[in-house]
Amino acid sequence: MLNFELIGKRFSELRNRSGFTQSQLAEYLDVDQSYISKCEKNERQFSTDVLEKAAELFGCTMDYFVNESCEFVQMLIALRAKSITTEDLNTIAAMNKIALNLRFMEGLLEGE
């Protein structure tokens, strides 16, 4: 059974660690800001589609949201901008998706 409290907590931690506001993520995820707020407080549940898109942006696996023993290894990206647009977030997510796939393939080669 899924631990929705863990999902909301981890989402909130990743959002704060990344320096994104709920409004920025809501626009990127194409949801209302109140949806993000309620999910982070465990008053609602994130949809799978929203979590998948968020995982790409944060550079984590879906497993990190649902598995308490899963660890997060942050991928550092240097980005210089006065403000971040939704297009910027899409670009960051695409780069993270590539990096996650590379990390996964390297793990396969190493026999993990």
PDB file of N, CA and C in Angstrom:
ATOM      1  N   MET A   1       0.838  -1.176   0.000  1.00  0.00           N
ATOM      2  CA  MET A   1       0.000   0.000   0.000  1.00  0.00           C
ATOM      3  C   MET A   1       0.891   1.249   0.000  1.00  0.00           C
ATOM      4  N   LEU A   2       0.498   2.246  -0.758  1.00  0.00           N
ATOM      5  CA  LEU A   2       1.290   3.459  -0.878  1.00  0.00           C
ATOM      6  C   LEU A   2       1.174   4.329   0.370  1.00  0.00           C
ATOM      7  N   ASN A   3       2.293   4.918   0.746  1.00  0.00           N
ATOM      8  CA  ASN A   3       2.347   5.833   1.876  1.00  0.00           C
ATOM      9  C   ASN A   3       2.250   7.255   1.317  1.00  0.00           C
ATOM     10  N   PHE A   4       1.033   7.797   1.266  1.00  0.00           N
ATOM     11  CA  PHE A   4       0.823   9.106   0.660  1.00  0.00           C
ATOM     12  C   PHE A   4       1.447  10.230   1.484  1.00  0.00           C
ATOM     13  N   GLU A   5       1.587  10.015   2.790  1.00  0.00           N
ATOM     14  CA  GLU A   5       2.266  11.007   3.622  1.00  0.00           C
ATOM     15  C   GLU A   5       3.738  11.109   3.219  1.00  0.00           C
ATOM     16  N   LEU A   6       4.387   9.968   2.977  1.00  0.00           N
ATOM     17  CA  LEU A   6       5.778   9.948   2.531  1.00  0.00           C
ATOM     18  C   LEU A   6       5.919  10.633   1.173  1.00  0.00           C
ATOM     19  N   ILE A   7       4.987  10.365   0.276  1.00  0.00           N
ATOM     20  CA  ILE A   7       5.032  10.966  -1.053  1.00  0.00           C
ATOM     21  C   ILE A   7       4.966  12.491  -0.943  1.00  0.00           C
ATOM     22  N   GLY A   8       4.022  13.005  -0.169  1.00  0.00           N
ATOM     23  CA  GLY A   8       3.889  14.448   0.002  1.00  0.00           C
ATOM     24  C   GLY A   8       5.109  15.070   0.658  1.00  0.00           C
ATOM     25  N   LYS A   9       5.642  14.381   1.660  1.00  0.00           N
ATOM     26  CA  LYS A   9       6.825  14.875   2.374  1.00  0.00           C
ATOM     27  C   LYS A   9       8.027  14.948   1.431  1.00  0.00           C
ATOM     28  N   ARG A  10       8.245  13.897   0.684  1.00  0.00           N
ATOM     29  CA  ARG A  10       9.408  13.868  -0.212  1.00  0.00           C
ATOM     30  C   ARG A  10       9.254  14.884  -1.347  1.00  0.00           C
ATOM     31  N   PHE A  11       8.047  15.016  -1.861  1.00  0.00           N
ATOM     32  CA  PHE A  11       7.797  16.012  -2.907  1.00  0.00           C
ATOM     33  C   PHE A  11       8.142  17.403  -2.374  1.00  0.00           C
ATOM     34  N   SER A  12       7.651  17.714  -1.188  1.00  0.00           N
ATOM     35  CA  SER A  12       7.900  19.017  -0.574  1.00  0.00           C
ATOM     36  C   SER A  12       9.394  19.245  -0.344  1.00  0.00           C
ATOM     37  N   GLU A  13      10.084  18.236   0.165  1.00  0.00           N
ATOM     38  CA  GLU A  13      11.525  18.349   0.406  1.00  0.00           C
ATOM     39  C   GLU A  13      12.280  18.604  -0.900  1.00  0.00           C
ATOM     40  N   LEU A  14      11.933  17.873  -1.947  1.00  0.00           N
ATOM     41  CA  LEU A  14      12.607  18.052  -3.232  1.00  0.00           C
ATOM     42  C   LEU A  14      12.306  19.427  -3.825  1.00  0.00           C
ATOM     43  N   ARG A  15      11.076  19.858  -3.685  1.00  0.00           N
ATOM     44  CA  ARG A  15      10.701  21.181  -4.195  1.00  0.00           C
ATOM     45  C   ARG A  15      11.497  22.265  -3.487  1.00  0.00           C
ATOM     46  N   ASN A  16      11.556  22.184  -2.164  1.00  0.00           N
ATOM     47  CA  ASN A  16      12.295  23.187  -1.393  1.00  0.00           C
ATOM     48  C   ASN A  16      13.791  23.125  -1.672  1.00  0.00           C
ATOM     49  N   ARG A  17      14.334  21.927  -1.740  1.00  0.00           N
ATOM     50  CA  ARG A  17      15.766  21.754  -2.026  1.00  0.00           C
ATOM     51  C   ARG A  17      16.116  22.333  -3.392  1.00  0.00           C
ATOM     52  N   SER A  18      15.198  22.210  -4.335  1.00  0.00           N
ATOM     53  CA  SER A  18      15.424  22.715  -5.694  1.00  0.00           C
ATOM     54  C   SER A  18      15.183  24.218  -5.801  1.00  0.00           C
ATOM     55  N   GLY A  19      14.543  24.786  -4.788  1.00  0.00           N
ATOM     56  CA  GLY A  19      14.297  26.226  -4.791  1.00  0.00           C
ATOM     57  C   GLY A  19      13.103  26.659  -5.626  1.00  0.00           C
ATOM     58  N   PHE A  20      12.184  25.735  -5.884  1.00  0.00           N
ATOM     59  CA  PHE A  20      10.994  26.055  -6.666  1.00  0.00           C
ATOM     60  C   PHE A  20       9.827  26.380  -5.748  1.00  0.00           C
ATOM     61  N   THR A  21       8.980  27.279  -6.186  1.00  0.00           N
ATOM     62  CA  THR A  21       7.766  27.575  -5.441  1.00  0.00           C
ATOM     63  C   THR A  21       6.661  26.605  -5.866  1.00  0.00           C
ATOM     64  N   GLN A  22       5.630  26.535  -5.064  1.00  0.00           N
ATOM     65  CA  GLN A  22       4.481  25.711  -5.445  1.00  0.00           C
ATOM     66  C   GLN A  22       3.867  26.244  -6.737  1.00  0.00           C
ATOM     67  N   SER A  23       3.846  27.547  -6.901  1.00  0.00           N
ATOM     68  CA  SER A  23       3.266  28.147  -8.106  1.00  0.00           C
ATOM     69  C   SER A  23       4.057  27.773  -9.353  1.00  0.00           C
ATOM     70  N   GLN A  24       5.389  27.803  -9.260  1.00  0.00           N
ATOM     71  CA  GLN A  24       6.214  27.418 -10.409  1.00  0.00           C
ATOM     72  C   GLN A  24       5.953  25.966 -10.798  1.00  0.00           C
ATOM     73  N   LEU A  25       5.900  25.100  -9.794  1.00  0.00           N
ATOM     74  CA  LEU A  25       5.663  23.688 -10.098  1.00  0.00           C
ATOM     75  C   LEU A  25       4.256  23.450 -10.608  1.00  0.00           C
ATOM     76  N   ALA A  26       3.300  24.164 -10.063  1.00  0.00           N
ATOM     77  CA  ALA A  26       1.925  24.008 -10.525  1.00  0.00           C
ATOM     78  C   ALA A  26       1.822  24.366 -12.004  1.00  0.00           C
ATOM     79  N   GLU A  27       2.479  25.444 -12.412  1.00  0.00           N
ATOM     80  CA  GLU A  27       2.442  25.830 -13.820  1.00  0.00           C
ATOM     81  C   GLU A  27       3.127  24.778 -14.682  1.00  0.00           C
ATOM     82  N   TYR A  28       4.278  24.298 -14.232  1.00  0.00           N
ATOM     83  CA  TYR A  28       5.019  23.269 -14.977  1.00  0.00           C
ATOM     84  C   TYR A  28       4.212  21.972 -15.073  1.00  0.00           C
ATOM     85  N   LEU A  29       3.568  21.582 -13.975  1.00  0.00           N
ATOM     86  CA  LEU A  29       2.820  20.322 -13.927  1.00  0.00           C
ATOM     87  C   LEU A  29       1.406  20.456 -14.472  1.00  0.00           C
ATOM     88  N   ASP A  30       1.014  21.676 -14.810  1.00  0.00           N
ATOM     89  CA  ASP A  30      -0.303  21.972 -15.360  1.00  0.00           C
ATOM     90  C   ASP A  30      -1.417  21.587 -14.383  1.00  0.00           C
ATOM     91  N   VAL A  31      -1.213  22.000 -13.128  1.00  0.00           N
ATOM     92  CA  VAL A  31      -2.217  21.803 -12.086  1.00  0.00           C
ATOM     93  C   VAL A  31      -2.364  23.117 -11.329  1.00  0.00           C
ATOM     94  N   ASP A  32      -3.349  23.173 -10.460  1.00  0.00           N
ATOM     95  CA  ASP A  32      -3.555  24.359  -9.642  1.00  0.00           C
ATOM     96  C   ASP A  32      -2.584  24.343  -8.456  1.00  0.00           C
ATOM     97  N   GLN A  33      -2.158  25.516  -8.033  1.00  0.00           N
ATOM     98  CA  GLN A  33      -1.217  25.621  -6.912  1.00  0.00           C
ATOM     99  C   GLN A  33      -1.804  24.996  -5.648  1.00  0.00           C
ATOM    100  N   SER A  34      -3.093  25.116  -5.444  1.00  0.00           N
ATOM    101  CA  SER A  34      -3.721  24.537  -4.250  1.00  0.00           C
ATOM    102  C   SER A  34      -3.628  23.007  -4.255  1.00  0.00           C
ATOM    103  N   TYR A  35      -3.585  22.411  -5.441  1.00  0.00           N
ATOM    104  CA  TYR A  35      -3.416  20.949  -5.564  1.00  0.00           C
ATOM    105  C   TYR A  35      -2.063  20.551  -4.979  1.00  0.00           C
ATOM    106  N   ILE A  36      -1.013  21.298  -5.344  1.00  0.00           N
ATOM    107  CA  ILE A  36       0.330  21.015  -4.826  1.00  0.00           C
ATOM    108  C   ILE A  36       0.323  21.158  -3.299  1.00  0.00           C
ATOM    109  N   SER A  37      -0.242  22.240  -2.819  1.00  0.00           N
ATOM    110  CA  SER A  37      -0.288  22.501  -1.383  1.00  0.00           C
ATOM    111  C   SER A  37      -1.010  21.380  -0.640  1.00  0.00           C
ATOM    112  N   LYS A  38      -2.166  20.986  -1.133  1.00  0.00           N
ATOM    113  CA  LYS A  38      -2.951  19.948  -0.462  1.00  0.00           C
ATOM    114  C   LYS A  38      -2.243  18.590  -0.503  1.00  0.00           C
ATOM    115  N   CYS A  39      -1.588  18.287  -1.601  1.00  0.00           N
ATOM    116  CA  CYS A  39      -0.863  17.014  -1.699  1.00  0.00           C
ATOM    117  C   CYS A  39       0.333  16.994  -0.751  1.00  0.00           C
ATOM    118  N   GLU A  40       1.031  18.112  -0.652  1.00  0.00           N
ATOM    119  CA  GLU A  40       2.174  18.171   0.259  1.00  0.00           C
ATOM    120  C   GLU A  40       1.727  18.013   1.713  1.00  0.00           C
ATOM    121  N   LYS A  41       0.516  18.459   2.035  1.00  0.00           N
ATOM    122  CA  LYS A  41      -0.015  18.344   3.402  1.00  0.00           C
ATOM    123  C   LYS A  41      -0.811  17.051   3.599  1.00  0.00           C
ATOM    124  N   ASN A  42      -0.795  16.171   2.618  1.00  0.00           N
ATOM    125  CA  ASN A  42      -1.489  14.883   2.670  1.00  0.00           C
ATOM    126  C   ASN A  42      -3.003  15.036   2.760  1.00  0.00           C
ATOM    127  N   GLU A  43      -3.529  16.117   2.188  1.00  0.00           N
ATOM    128  CA  GLU A  43      -4.977  16.308   2.126  1.00  0.00           C
ATOM    129  C   GLU A  43      -5.539  15.792   0.806  1.00  0.00           C
ATOM    130  N   ARG A  44      -4.669  15.620  -0.170  1.00  0.00           N
ATOM    131  CA  ARG A  44      -5.016  15.030  -1.466  1.00  0.00           C
ATOM    132  C   ARG A  44      -3.874  14.114  -1.861  1.00  0.00           C
ATOM    133  N   GLN A  45      -4.075  13.376  -2.945  1.00  0.00           N
ATOM    134  CA  GLN A  45      -3.038  12.455  -3.413  1.00  0.00           C
ATOM    135  C   GLN A  45      -2.572  12.878  -4.802  1.00  0.00           C
ATOM    136  N   PHE A  46      -1.265  12.856  -5.000  1.00  0.00           N
ATOM    137  CA  PHE A  46      -0.705  13.151  -6.306  1.00  0.00           C
ATOM    138  C   PHE A  46      -1.112  12.064  -7.293  1.00  0.00           C
ATOM    139  N   SER A  47      -1.394  12.470  -8.516  1.00  0.00           N
ATOM    140  CA  SER A  47      -1.640  11.477  -9.569  1.00  0.00           C
ATOM    141  C   SER A  47      -0.290  10.927 -10.030  1.00  0.00           C
ATOM    142  N   THR A  48      -0.332   9.762 -10.621  1.00  0.00           N
ATOM    143  CA  THR A  48       0.890   9.145 -11.136  1.00  0.00           C
ATOM    144  C   THR A  48       1.531  10.015 -12.203  1.00  0.00           C
ATOM    145  N   ASP A  49       0.719  10.609 -13.078  1.00  0.00           N
ATOM    146  CA  ASP A  49       1.248  11.466 -14.135  1.00  0.00           C
ATOM    147  C   ASP A  49       2.011  12.659 -13.566  1.00  0.00           C
ATOM    148  N   VAL A  50       1.460  13.267 -12.536  1.00  0.00           N
ATOM    149  CA  VAL A  50       2.110  14.425 -11.912  1.00  0.00           C
ATOM    150  C   VAL A  50       3.416  13.996 -11.259  1.00  0.00           C
ATOM    151  N   LEU A  51       3.409  12.864 -10.551  1.00  0.00           N
ATOM    152  CA  LEU A  51       4.626  12.388  -9.894  1.00  0.00           C
ATOM    153  C   LEU A  51       5.712  12.027 -10.908  1.00  0.00           C
ATOM    154  N   GLU A  52       5.330  11.420 -12.022  1.00  0.00           N
ATOM    155  CA  GLU A  52       6.317  11.073 -13.053  1.00  0.00           C
ATOM    156  C   GLU A  52       6.983  12.324 -13.620  1.00  0.00           C
ATOM    157  N   LYS A  53       6.185  13.331 -13.896  1.00  0.00           N
ATOM    158  CA  LYS A  53       6.724  14.574 -14.445  1.00  0.00           C
ATOM    159  C   LYS A  53       7.591  15.285 -13.411  1.00  0.00           C
ATOM    160  N   ALA A  54       7.172  15.263 -12.142  1.00  0.00           N
ATOM    161  CA  ALA A  54       7.956  15.873 -11.063  1.00  0.00           C
ATOM    162  C   ALA A  54       9.272  15.124 -10.867  1.00  0.00           C
ATOM    163  N   ALA A  55       9.231  13.799 -10.935  1.00  0.00           N
ATOM    164  CA  ALA A  55      10.451  13.001 -10.771  1.00  0.00           C
ATOM    165  C   ALA A  55      11.483  13.366 -11.828  1.00  0.00           C
ATOM    166  N   GLU A  56      11.042  13.579 -13.051  1.00  0.00           N
ATOM    167  CA  GLU A  56      11.961  13.986 -14.109  1.00  0.00           C
ATOM    168  C   GLU A  56      12.579  15.342 -13.787  1.00  0.00           C
ATOM    169  N   LEU A  57      11.771  16.266 -13.311  1.00  0.00           N
ATOM    170  CA  LEU A  57      12.276  17.595 -12.985  1.00  0.00           C
ATOM    171  C   LEU A  57      13.260  17.541 -11.819  1.00  0.00           C
ATOM    172  N   PHE A  58      12.932  16.777 -10.785  1.00  0.00           N
ATOM    173  CA  PHE A  58      13.790  16.698  -9.612  1.00  0.00           C
ATOM    174  C   PHE A  58      15.000  15.797  -9.821  1.00  0.00           C
ATOM    175  N   GLY A  59      14.977  14.980 -10.875  1.00  0.00           N
ATOM    176  CA  GLY A  59      16.092  14.079 -11.139  1.00  0.00           C
ATOM    177  C   GLY A  59      16.111  12.888 -10.206  1.00  0.00           C
ATOM    178  N   CYS A  60      14.927  12.373  -9.902  1.00  0.00           N
ATOM    179  CA  CYS A  60      14.844  11.199  -9.038  1.00  0.00           C
ATOM    180  C   CYS A  60      13.974  10.141  -9.722  1.00  0.00           C
ATOM    181  N   THR A  61      13.984   8.970  -9.156  1.00  0.00           N
ATOM    182  CA  THR A  61      13.134   7.906  -9.675  1.00  0.00           C
ATOM    183  C   THR A  61      11.770   7.978  -8.991  1.00  0.00           C
ATOM    184  N   MET A  62      10.793   7.362  -9.593  1.00  0.00           N
ATOM    185  CA  MET A  62       9.467   7.264  -8.967  1.00  0.00           C
ATOM    186  C   MET A  62       9.572   6.486  -7.656  1.00  0.00           C
ATOM    187  N   ASP A  63      10.479   5.536  -7.620  1.00  0.00           N
ATOM    188  CA  ASP A  63      10.666   4.711  -6.433  1.00  0.00           C
ATOM    189  C   ASP A  63      11.011   5.564  -5.218  1.00  0.00           C
ATOM    190  N   TYR A  64      11.701   6.675  -5.433  1.00  0.00           N
ATOM    191  CA  TYR A  64      12.081   7.535  -4.308  1.00  0.00           C
ATOM    192  C   TYR A  64      10.847   8.074  -3.583  1.00  0.00           C
ATOM    193  N   PHE A  65       9.792   8.367  -4.309  1.00  0.00           N
ATOM    194  CA  PHE A  65       8.577   8.897  -3.687  1.00  0.00           C
ATOM    195  C   PHE A  65       7.848   7.860  -2.841  1.00  0.00           C
ATOM    196  N   VAL A  66       7.922   6.605  -3.218  1.00  0.00           N
ATOM    197  CA  VAL A  66       7.087   5.582  -2.577  1.00  0.00           C
ATOM    198  C   VAL A  66       7.848   4.594  -1.693  1.00  0.00           C
ATOM    199  N   ASN A  67       9.164   4.584  -1.784  1.00  0.00           N
ATOM    200  CA  ASN A  67       9.964   3.614  -1.042  1.00  0.00           C
ATOM    201  C   ASN A  67      10.828   4.349  -0.024  1.00  0.00           C
ATOM    202  N   GLU A  68      10.512   4.170   1.239  1.00  0.00           N
ATOM    203  CA  GLU A  68      11.211   4.894   2.302  1.00  0.00           C
ATOM    204  C   GLU A  68      12.702   4.576   2.349  1.00  0.00           C
ATOM    205  N   SER A  69      13.095   3.389   1.923  1.00  0.00           N
ATOM    206  CA  SER A  69      14.505   3.011   1.983  1.00  0.00           C
ATOM    207  C   SER A  69      15.297   3.488   0.761  1.00  0.00           C
ATOM    208  N   CYS A  70      14.609   4.031  -0.218  1.00  0.00           N
ATOM    209  CA  CYS A  70      15.277   4.519  -1.426  1.00  0.00           C
ATOM    210  C   CYS A  70      15.984   5.838  -1.126  1.00  0.00           C
ATOM    211  N   GLU A  71      17.210   5.959  -1.588  1.00  0.00           N
ATOM    212  CA  GLU A  71      17.982   7.173  -1.367  1.00  0.00           C
ATOM    213  C   GLU A  71      17.951   8.065  -2.602  1.00  0.00           C
ATOM    214  N   PHE A  72      18.092   9.360  -2.363  1.00  0.00           N
ATOM    215  CA  PHE A  72      18.113  10.351  -3.443  1.00  0.00           C
ATOM    216  C   PHE A  72      19.537  10.857  -3.612  1.00  0.00           C
ATOM    217  N   VAL A  73      20.044  10.751  -4.827  1.00  0.00           N
ATOM    218  CA  VAL A  73      21.362  11.283  -5.156  1.00  0.00           C
ATOM    219  C   VAL A  73      21.122  12.435  -6.123  1.00  0.00           C
ATOM    220  N   GLN A  74      21.275  13.643  -5.597  1.00  0.00           N
ATOM    221  CA  GLN A  74      20.959  14.837  -6.388  1.00  0.00           C
ATOM    222  C   GLN A  74      21.945  15.022  -7.533  1.00  0.00           C
ATOM    223  N   MET A  75      21.400  15.416  -8.681  1.00  0.00           N
ATOM    224  CA  MET A  75      22.215  15.781  -9.830  1.00  0.00           C
ATOM    225  C   MET A  75      22.315  17.301  -9.834  1.00  0.00           C
ATOM    226  N   LEU A  76      23.527  17.784  -9.807  1.00  0.00           N
ATOM    227  CA  LEU A  76      23.719  19.226  -9.752  1.00  0.00           C
ATOM    228  C   LEU A  76      23.743  19.818 -11.155  1.00  0.00           C
ATOM    229  N   ILE A  77      22.993  20.893 -11.294  1.00  0.00           N
ATOM    230  CA  ILE A  77      22.933  21.615 -12.564  1.00  0.00           C
ATOM    231  C   ILE A  77      23.196  23.085 -12.265  1.00  0.00           C
ATOM    232  N   ALA A  78      24.096  23.664 -13.018  1.00  0.00           N
ATOM    233  CA  ALA A  78      24.351  25.100 -12.866  1.00  0.00           C
ATOM    234  C   ALA A  78      23.437  25.842 -13.840  1.00  0.00           C
ATOM    235  N   LEU A  79      22.631  26.720 -13.295  1.00  0.00           N
ATOM    236  CA  LEU A  79      21.682  27.465 -14.104  1.00  0.00           C
ATOM    237  C   LEU A  79      21.701  28.905 -13.637  1.00  0.00           C
ATOM    238  N   ARG A  80      21.958  29.786 -14.563  1.00  0.00           N
ATOM    239  CA  ARG A  80      21.966  31.211 -14.222  1.00  0.00           C
ATOM    240  C   ARG A  80      20.816  31.883 -14.932  1.00  0.00           C
ATOM    241  N   ALA A  81      19.887  32.344 -14.127  1.00  0.00           N
ATOM    242  CA  ALA A  81      18.720  33.027 -14.687  1.00  0.00           C
ATOM    243  C   ALA A  81      18.116  33.909 -13.608  1.00  0.00           C
ATOM    244  N   LYS A  82      17.576  35.022 -14.026  1.00  0.00           N
ATOM    245  CA  LYS A  82      16.899  35.902 -13.071  1.00  0.00           C
ATOM    246  C   LYS A  82      15.546  35.327 -12.680  1.00  0.00           C
ATOM    247  N   SER A  83      14.918  34.654 -13.604  1.00  0.00           N
ATOM    248  CA  SER A  83      13.658  33.987 -13.320  1.00  0.00           C
ATOM    249  C   SER A  83      13.607  32.712 -14.144  1.00  0.00           C
ATOM    250  N   ILE A  84      12.861  31.750 -13.642  1.00  0.00           N
ATOM    251  CA  ILE A  84      12.768  30.454 -14.317  1.00  0.00           C
ATOM    252  C   ILE A  84      11.377  30.319 -14.906  1.00  0.00           C
ATOM    253  N   THR A  85      11.333  29.997 -16.187  1.00  0.00           N
ATOM    254  CA  THR A  85      10.070  29.827 -16.887  1.00  0.00           C
ATOM    255  C   THR A  85       9.694  28.347 -16.947  1.00  0.00           C
ATOM    256  N   THR A  86       8.483  28.095 -17.354  1.00  0.00           N
ATOM    257  CA  THR A  86       8.046  26.715 -17.543  1.00  0.00           C
ATOM    258  C   THR A  86       8.891  26.028 -18.609  1.00  0.00           C
ATOM    259  N   GLU A  87       9.277  26.774 -19.627  1.00  0.00           N
ATOM    260  CA  GLU A  87      10.151  26.211 -20.669  1.00  0.00           C
ATOM    261  C   GLU A  87      11.495  25.794 -20.068  1.00  0.00           C
ATOM    262  N   ASP A  88      12.022  26.602 -19.146  1.00  0.00           N
ATOM    263  CA  ASP A  88      13.268  26.243 -18.461  1.00  0.00           C
ATOM    264  C   ASP A  88      13.097  24.946 -17.676  1.00  0.00           C
ATOM    265  N   LEU A  89      11.963  24.813 -16.984  1.00  0.00           N
ATOM    266  CA  LEU A  89      11.704  23.601 -16.202  1.00  0.00           C
ATOM    267  C   LEU A  89      11.594  22.379 -17.110  1.00  0.00           C
ATOM    268  N   ASN A  90      10.991  22.543 -18.276  1.00  0.00           N
ATOM    269  CA  ASN A  90      10.929  21.432 -19.242  1.00  0.00           C
ATOM    270  C   ASN A  90      12.321  21.032 -19.695  1.00  0.00           C
ATOM    271  N   THR A  91      13.196  22.006 -19.912  1.00  0.00           N
ATOM    272  CA  THR A  91      14.566  21.715 -20.328  1.00  0.00           C
ATOM    273  C   THR A  91      15.326  20.995 -19.220  1.00  0.00           C
ATOM    274  N   ILE A  92      15.175  21.474 -17.980  1.00  0.00           N
ATOM    275  CA  ILE A  92      15.822  20.816 -16.842  1.00  0.00           C
ATOM    276  C   ILE A  92      15.346  19.376 -16.711  1.00  0.00           C
ATOM    277  N   ALA A  93      14.044  19.159 -16.855  1.00  0.00           N
ATOM    278  CA  ALA A  93      13.485  17.804 -16.758  1.00  0.00           C
ATOM    279  C   ALA A  93      14.046  16.903 -17.850  1.00  0.00           C
ATOM    280  N   ALA A  94      14.186  17.419 -19.062  1.00  0.00           N
ATOM    281  CA  ALA A  94      14.736  16.619 -20.162  1.00  0.00           C
ATOM    282  C   ALA A  94      16.192  16.240 -19.878  1.00  0.00           C
ATOM    283  N   MET A  95      16.968  17.188 -19.362  1.00  0.00           N
ATOM    284  CA  MET A  95      18.363  16.884 -19.023  1.00  0.00           C
ATOM    285  C   MET A  95      18.447  15.849 -17.911  1.00  0.00           C
ATOM    286  N   ASN A  96      17.592  15.995 -16.898  1.00  0.00           N
ATOM    287  CA  ASN A  96      17.587  15.030 -15.797  1.00  0.00           C
ATOM    288  C   ASN A  96      17.168  13.640 -16.266  1.00  0.00           C
ATOM    289  N   LYS A  97      16.227  13.581 -17.179  1.00  0.00           N
ATOM    290  CA  LYS A  97      15.775  12.285 -17.696  1.00  0.00           C
ATOM    291  C   LYS A  97      16.925  11.561 -18.397  1.00  0.00           C
ATOM    292  N   ILE A  98      17.681  12.307 -19.179  1.00  0.00           N
ATOM    293  CA  ILE A  98      18.851  11.730 -19.853  1.00  0.00           C
ATOM    294  C   ILE A  98      19.869  11.254 -18.820  1.00  0.00           C
ATOM    295  N   ALA A  99      20.139  12.093 -17.816  1.00  0.00           N
ATOM    296  CA  ALA A  99      21.113  11.745 -16.783  1.00  0.00           C
ATOM    297  C   ALA A  99      20.659  10.524 -15.979  1.00  0.00           C
ATOM    298  N   LEU A 100      19.363  10.446 -15.665  1.00  0.00           N
ATOM    299  CA  LEU A 100      18.845   9.283 -14.931  1.00  0.00           C
ATOM    300  C   LEU A 100      18.982   8.009 -15.752  1.00  0.00           C
ATOM    301  N   ASN A 101      18.694   8.092 -17.044  1.00  0.00           N
ATOM    302  CA  ASN A 101      18.847   6.925 -17.913  1.00  0.00           C
ATOM    303  C   ASN A 101      20.306   6.495 -17.987  1.00  0.00           C
ATOM    304  N   LEU A 102      21.210   7.464 -18.058  1.00  0.00           N
ATOM    305  CA  LEU A 102      22.638   7.146 -18.087  1.00  0.00           C
ATOM    306  C   LEU A 102      23.056   6.479 -16.782  1.00  0.00           C
ATOM    307  N   ARG A 103      22.592   7.014 -15.669  1.00  0.00           N
ATOM    308  CA  ARG A 103      22.907   6.435 -14.354  1.00  0.00           C
ATOM    309  C   ARG A 103      22.387   5.002 -14.267  1.00  0.00           C
ATOM    310  N   PHE A 104      21.176   4.774 -14.788  1.00  0.00           N
ATOM    311  CA  PHE A 104      20.590   3.434 -14.788  1.00  0.00           C
ATOM    312  C   PHE A 104      21.416   2.469 -15.638  1.00  0.00           C
ATOM    313  N   MET A 105      21.807   2.914 -16.844  1.00  0.00           N
ATOM    314  CA  MET A 105      22.604   2.041 -17.724  1.00  0.00           C
ATOM    315  C   MET A 105      23.973   1.742 -17.132  1.00  0.00           C
ATOM    316  N   GLU A 106      24.595   2.723 -16.481  1.00  0.00           N
ATOM    317  CA  GLU A 106      25.871   2.489 -15.832  1.00  0.00           C
ATOM    318  C   GLU A 106      25.719   1.473 -14.715  1.00  0.00           C
ATOM    319  N   GLY A 107      24.596   1.545 -13.986  1.00  0.00           N
ATOM    320  CA  GLY A 107      24.317   0.576 -12.947  1.00  0.00           C
ATOM    321  C   GLY A 107      24.175  -0.830 -13.498  1.00  0.00           C
ATOM    322  N   LEU A 108      23.543  -0.956 -14.649  1.00  0.00           N
ATOM    323  CA  LEU A 108      23.418  -2.261 -15.290  1.00  0.00           C
ATOM    324  C   LEU A 108      24.782  -2.838 -15.670  1.00  0.00           C
ATOM    325  N   LEU A 109      25.639  -1.970 -16.193  1.00  0.00           N
ATOM    326  CA  LEU A 109      26.970  -2.397 -16.588  1.00  0.00           C
ATOM    327  C   LEU A 109      27.811  -2.828 -15.380  1.00  0.00           C
ATOM    328  N   GLU A 110      27.570  -2.179 -14.252  1.00  0.00           N
ATOM    329  CA  GLU A 110      28.312  -2.505 -13.034  1.00  0.00           C
ATOM    330  C   GLU A 110      27.699  -3.672 -12.278  1.00  0.00           C
ATOM    331  N   GLY A 111      26.553  -4.155 -12.747  1.00  0.00           N
ATOM    332  CA  GLY A 111      25.899  -5.316 -12.156  1.00  0.00           C
ATOM    333  C   GLY A 111      25.056  -5.016 -10.938  1.00  0.00           C
ATOM    334  N   GLU A 112      24.539  -3.787 -10.826  1.00  0.00           N
ATOM    335  CA  GLU A 112      23.681  -3.445  -9.686  1.00  0.00           C
ATOM    336  C   GLU A 112      22.307  -4.032  -9.841  1.00  0.00           C
TER     337      GLU A 112
END
